[in-house]
N, C-alpha and C. Protein backbone atom coordinates (compact mmCIF):
# COMPACT_ATOMS: atom_id res chain seq x y z
N MET A 1 -93.07 -53.68 -3.86
CA MET A 1 -93.37 -54.99 -4.44
C MET A 1 -92.20 -55.46 -5.30
N ALA A 2 -91.79 -56.68 -5.08
CA ALA A 2 -90.65 -57.24 -5.80
C ALA A 2 -91.08 -57.81 -7.15
N SER A 3 -90.20 -57.71 -8.13
CA SER A 3 -90.46 -58.34 -9.43
C SER A 3 -90.22 -59.84 -9.31
N ASN A 4 -90.66 -60.59 -10.32
CA ASN A 4 -90.43 -62.04 -10.28
C ASN A 4 -88.95 -62.37 -10.23
N GLU A 5 -88.12 -61.56 -10.91
CA GLU A 5 -86.68 -61.80 -10.89
C GLU A 5 -86.13 -61.57 -9.47
N GLU A 6 -86.63 -60.53 -8.80
CA GLU A 6 -86.19 -60.25 -7.43
C GLU A 6 -86.66 -61.34 -6.47
N ILE A 7 -87.89 -61.83 -6.69
CA ILE A 7 -88.41 -62.92 -5.85
C ILE A 7 -87.56 -64.17 -6.05
N LEU A 8 -87.25 -64.50 -7.30
CA LEU A 8 -86.43 -65.68 -7.58
C LEU A 8 -85.06 -65.54 -6.91
N ALA A 9 -84.44 -64.37 -7.04
CA ALA A 9 -83.12 -64.15 -6.43
C ALA A 9 -83.21 -64.28 -4.91
N GLY A 10 -84.27 -63.72 -4.32
CA GLY A 10 -84.45 -63.80 -2.88
C GLY A 10 -84.67 -65.23 -2.41
N LEU A 11 -85.49 -65.97 -3.16
CA LEU A 11 -85.71 -67.38 -2.82
C LEU A 11 -84.42 -68.17 -2.95
N ALA A 12 -83.63 -67.88 -3.98
CA ALA A 12 -82.36 -68.58 -4.18
C ALA A 12 -81.44 -68.35 -2.98
N GLU A 13 -81.42 -67.12 -2.46
CA GLU A 13 -80.59 -66.81 -1.29
C GLU A 13 -81.08 -67.60 -0.07
N ILE A 14 -82.40 -67.64 0.12
CA ILE A 14 -82.98 -68.35 1.25
C ILE A 14 -82.66 -69.85 1.16
N VAL A 15 -82.84 -70.43 -0.03
CA VAL A 15 -82.54 -71.85 -0.23
C VAL A 15 -81.06 -72.12 0.01
N ASN A 16 -80.20 -71.22 -0.47
CA ASN A 16 -78.76 -71.35 -0.27
C ASN A 16 -78.42 -71.36 1.22
N GLU A 17 -79.02 -70.44 1.98
CA GLU A 17 -78.76 -70.36 3.42
C GLU A 17 -79.22 -71.61 4.15
N GLU A 18 -80.35 -72.16 3.71
CA GLU A 18 -80.94 -73.32 4.39
C GLU A 18 -80.25 -74.62 3.99
N THR A 19 -79.88 -74.77 2.72
CA THR A 19 -79.43 -76.06 2.22
C THR A 19 -77.98 -76.08 1.73
N GLY A 20 -77.41 -74.91 1.48
CA GLY A 20 -76.07 -74.86 0.92
C GLY A 20 -76.04 -75.02 -0.59
N LEU A 21 -77.20 -75.18 -1.22
CA LEU A 21 -77.25 -75.27 -2.68
C LEU A 21 -76.80 -73.95 -3.30
N GLU A 22 -76.16 -74.03 -4.45
CA GLU A 22 -75.76 -72.81 -5.16
C GLU A 22 -77.01 -72.04 -5.57
N THR A 23 -76.95 -70.72 -5.47
CA THR A 23 -78.11 -69.92 -5.87
C THR A 23 -78.43 -70.13 -7.35
N SER A 24 -77.43 -70.41 -8.17
CA SER A 24 -77.66 -70.62 -9.60
C SER A 24 -78.44 -71.91 -9.88
N ASP A 25 -78.49 -72.83 -8.89
CA ASP A 25 -79.25 -74.07 -9.06
C ASP A 25 -80.75 -73.85 -8.85
N VAL A 26 -81.12 -72.75 -8.23
CA VAL A 26 -82.52 -72.47 -7.92
C VAL A 26 -83.13 -71.74 -9.12
N GLN A 27 -83.81 -72.54 -9.96
CA GLN A 27 -84.40 -72.02 -11.20
C GLN A 27 -85.89 -72.31 -11.21
N LEU A 28 -86.63 -71.50 -11.99
CA LEU A 28 -88.10 -71.57 -11.98
C LEU A 28 -88.65 -72.97 -12.19
N GLU A 29 -88.05 -73.73 -13.09
CA GLU A 29 -88.62 -75.04 -13.44
C GLU A 29 -88.21 -76.14 -12.47
N LYS A 30 -87.33 -75.85 -11.52
CA LYS A 30 -86.84 -76.87 -10.60
C LYS A 30 -87.88 -77.22 -9.54
N SER A 31 -88.02 -78.53 -9.30
CA SER A 31 -88.89 -79.02 -8.22
C SER A 31 -88.12 -78.94 -6.91
N PHE A 32 -88.78 -78.42 -5.86
CA PHE A 32 -88.13 -78.33 -4.55
C PHE A 32 -87.69 -79.72 -4.06
N THR A 33 -88.56 -80.71 -4.20
CA THR A 33 -88.26 -82.03 -3.64
C THR A 33 -87.41 -82.88 -4.58
N GLU A 34 -87.78 -82.95 -5.85
CA GLU A 34 -87.10 -83.86 -6.77
C GLU A 34 -85.76 -83.31 -7.27
N ASP A 35 -85.75 -82.05 -7.71
CA ASP A 35 -84.52 -81.48 -8.28
C ASP A 35 -83.58 -80.93 -7.22
N LEU A 36 -84.14 -80.27 -6.22
CA LEU A 36 -83.32 -79.59 -5.22
C LEU A 36 -83.15 -80.41 -3.94
N ASP A 37 -83.90 -81.52 -3.84
CA ASP A 37 -83.78 -82.45 -2.71
C ASP A 37 -84.02 -81.75 -1.36
N ILE A 38 -85.07 -80.92 -1.33
CA ILE A 38 -85.42 -80.19 -0.11
C ILE A 38 -86.51 -80.98 0.63
N ASP A 39 -86.25 -81.31 1.90
CA ASP A 39 -87.24 -82.06 2.67
C ASP A 39 -88.27 -81.12 3.28
N SER A 40 -89.29 -81.71 3.90
CA SER A 40 -90.41 -80.90 4.39
C SER A 40 -89.99 -79.95 5.51
N ILE A 41 -89.04 -80.35 6.32
CA ILE A 41 -88.59 -79.47 7.41
C ILE A 41 -87.85 -78.26 6.84
N SER A 42 -86.95 -78.50 5.90
CA SER A 42 -86.25 -77.39 5.26
C SER A 42 -87.23 -76.51 4.50
N MET A 43 -88.22 -77.13 3.88
CA MET A 43 -89.22 -76.35 3.12
C MET A 43 -89.96 -75.40 4.04
N MET A 44 -90.32 -75.85 5.24
CA MET A 44 -91.03 -74.98 6.17
C MET A 44 -90.15 -73.80 6.58
N THR A 45 -88.87 -74.04 6.79
CA THR A 45 -87.94 -72.96 7.13
C THR A 45 -87.86 -71.96 5.97
N ILE A 46 -87.77 -72.49 4.75
CA ILE A 46 -87.72 -71.64 3.56
C ILE A 46 -88.98 -70.79 3.46
N VAL A 47 -90.14 -71.41 3.71
CA VAL A 47 -91.42 -70.69 3.65
C VAL A 47 -91.45 -69.56 4.68
N VAL A 48 -91.06 -69.85 5.92
CA VAL A 48 -91.06 -68.83 6.98
C VAL A 48 -90.13 -67.67 6.61
N ASN A 49 -88.93 -68.01 6.11
CA ASN A 49 -87.99 -66.97 5.72
C ASN A 49 -88.50 -66.15 4.53
N ALA A 50 -89.18 -66.82 3.60
CA ALA A 50 -89.75 -66.11 2.44
C ALA A 50 -90.87 -65.18 2.88
N GLU A 51 -91.69 -65.64 3.84
CA GLU A 51 -92.75 -64.78 4.36
C GLU A 51 -92.16 -63.50 4.96
N ASP A 52 -91.10 -63.67 5.75
CA ASP A 52 -90.44 -62.51 6.37
C ASP A 52 -89.84 -61.59 5.31
N LYS A 53 -89.14 -62.18 4.36
CA LYS A 53 -88.41 -61.40 3.35
C LYS A 53 -89.36 -60.60 2.46
N PHE A 54 -90.46 -61.23 2.05
CA PHE A 54 -91.36 -60.60 1.07
C PHE A 54 -92.63 -60.02 1.68
N GLY A 55 -92.80 -60.17 2.99
CA GLY A 55 -93.97 -59.59 3.65
C GLY A 55 -95.28 -60.20 3.22
N VAL A 56 -95.28 -61.51 3.00
CA VAL A 56 -96.50 -62.22 2.59
C VAL A 56 -96.77 -63.35 3.57
N LYS A 57 -98.00 -63.88 3.52
CA LYS A 57 -98.36 -65.06 4.32
C LYS A 57 -98.57 -66.22 3.36
N ILE A 58 -97.90 -67.32 3.63
CA ILE A 58 -98.07 -68.53 2.83
C ILE A 58 -98.73 -69.57 3.74
N PRO A 59 -100.05 -69.76 3.61
CA PRO A 59 -100.75 -70.70 4.49
C PRO A 59 -100.20 -72.12 4.34
N ASP A 60 -100.20 -72.87 5.46
CA ASP A 60 -99.67 -74.24 5.44
C ASP A 60 -100.30 -75.08 4.34
N GLU A 61 -101.62 -74.90 4.12
CA GLU A 61 -102.29 -75.72 3.10
C GLU A 61 -101.85 -75.36 1.69
N GLU A 62 -101.26 -74.19 1.51
CA GLU A 62 -100.75 -73.79 0.20
C GLU A 62 -99.36 -74.34 -0.07
N VAL A 63 -98.60 -74.61 0.99
CA VAL A 63 -97.21 -75.03 0.82
C VAL A 63 -97.12 -76.29 -0.04
N LYS A 64 -98.06 -77.23 0.15
CA LYS A 64 -98.02 -78.47 -0.62
C LYS A 64 -98.23 -78.23 -2.11
N ASN A 65 -98.83 -77.08 -2.48
CA ASN A 65 -99.04 -76.76 -3.89
C ASN A 65 -97.82 -76.11 -4.53
N LEU A 66 -96.84 -75.75 -3.73
CA LEU A 66 -95.64 -75.10 -4.24
C LEU A 66 -94.61 -76.18 -4.59
N LYS A 67 -94.84 -76.82 -5.73
CA LYS A 67 -93.98 -77.94 -6.15
C LYS A 67 -92.66 -77.46 -6.73
N THR A 68 -92.73 -76.38 -7.52
CA THR A 68 -91.53 -75.88 -8.18
C THR A 68 -91.18 -74.49 -7.66
N VAL A 69 -89.97 -74.07 -7.95
CA VAL A 69 -89.54 -72.72 -7.59
C VAL A 69 -90.47 -71.71 -8.25
N GLY A 70 -90.85 -71.97 -9.50
CA GLY A 70 -91.77 -71.08 -10.22
C GLY A 70 -93.11 -70.95 -9.53
N ASP A 71 -93.62 -72.06 -8.97
CA ASP A 71 -94.89 -72.00 -8.21
C ASP A 71 -94.76 -71.03 -7.04
N ALA A 72 -93.64 -71.11 -6.34
CA ALA A 72 -93.42 -70.24 -5.18
C ALA A 72 -93.29 -68.79 -5.61
N VAL A 73 -92.56 -68.53 -6.70
CA VAL A 73 -92.42 -67.17 -7.21
C VAL A 73 -93.79 -66.61 -7.58
N ASP A 74 -94.61 -67.40 -8.29
CA ASP A 74 -95.95 -66.94 -8.69
C ASP A 74 -96.81 -66.66 -7.47
N PHE A 75 -96.76 -67.55 -6.47
CA PHE A 75 -97.59 -67.37 -5.27
C PHE A 75 -97.19 -66.09 -4.55
N ILE A 76 -95.89 -65.89 -4.35
CA ILE A 76 -95.42 -64.70 -3.64
C ILE A 76 -95.78 -63.44 -4.41
N SER A 77 -95.62 -63.48 -5.73
CA SER A 77 -95.96 -62.33 -6.57
C SER A 77 -97.44 -61.96 -6.43
N LYS A 78 -98.32 -62.98 -6.49
CA LYS A 78 -99.77 -62.73 -6.35
C LYS A 78 -100.11 -62.26 -4.95
N ALA A 79 -99.44 -62.83 -3.93
CA ALA A 79 -99.71 -62.46 -2.54
C ALA A 79 -99.32 -61.01 -2.29
N GLN A 80 -98.27 -60.53 -2.96
CA GLN A 80 -97.86 -59.14 -2.81
C GLN A 80 -98.88 -58.20 -3.44
N ASP A 81 -99.53 -58.66 -4.51
CA ASP A 81 -100.51 -57.82 -5.20
C ASP A 81 -101.82 -57.73 -4.42
N ALA A 82 -102.07 -58.73 -3.60
CA ALA A 82 -103.36 -58.82 -2.89
C ALA A 82 -103.52 -57.72 -1.86
């Protein structure tokens, strides 16, 4: 099970690979759409890659609730505990 810091670092790598954003720009309080300018297609790719990386399932209906990087870290953390 990954720590929140490890999840954040992993998500930052995934976002970097998908969008070219610097990993240092991917911070807990950042909004995927407003701050990081990630569109829905890129978000789905990020979700699929995060599922593979962390061994969790993120249902499509949950993706819309993942507004910030912190939301995604919390969801993945809880999904790993389940």
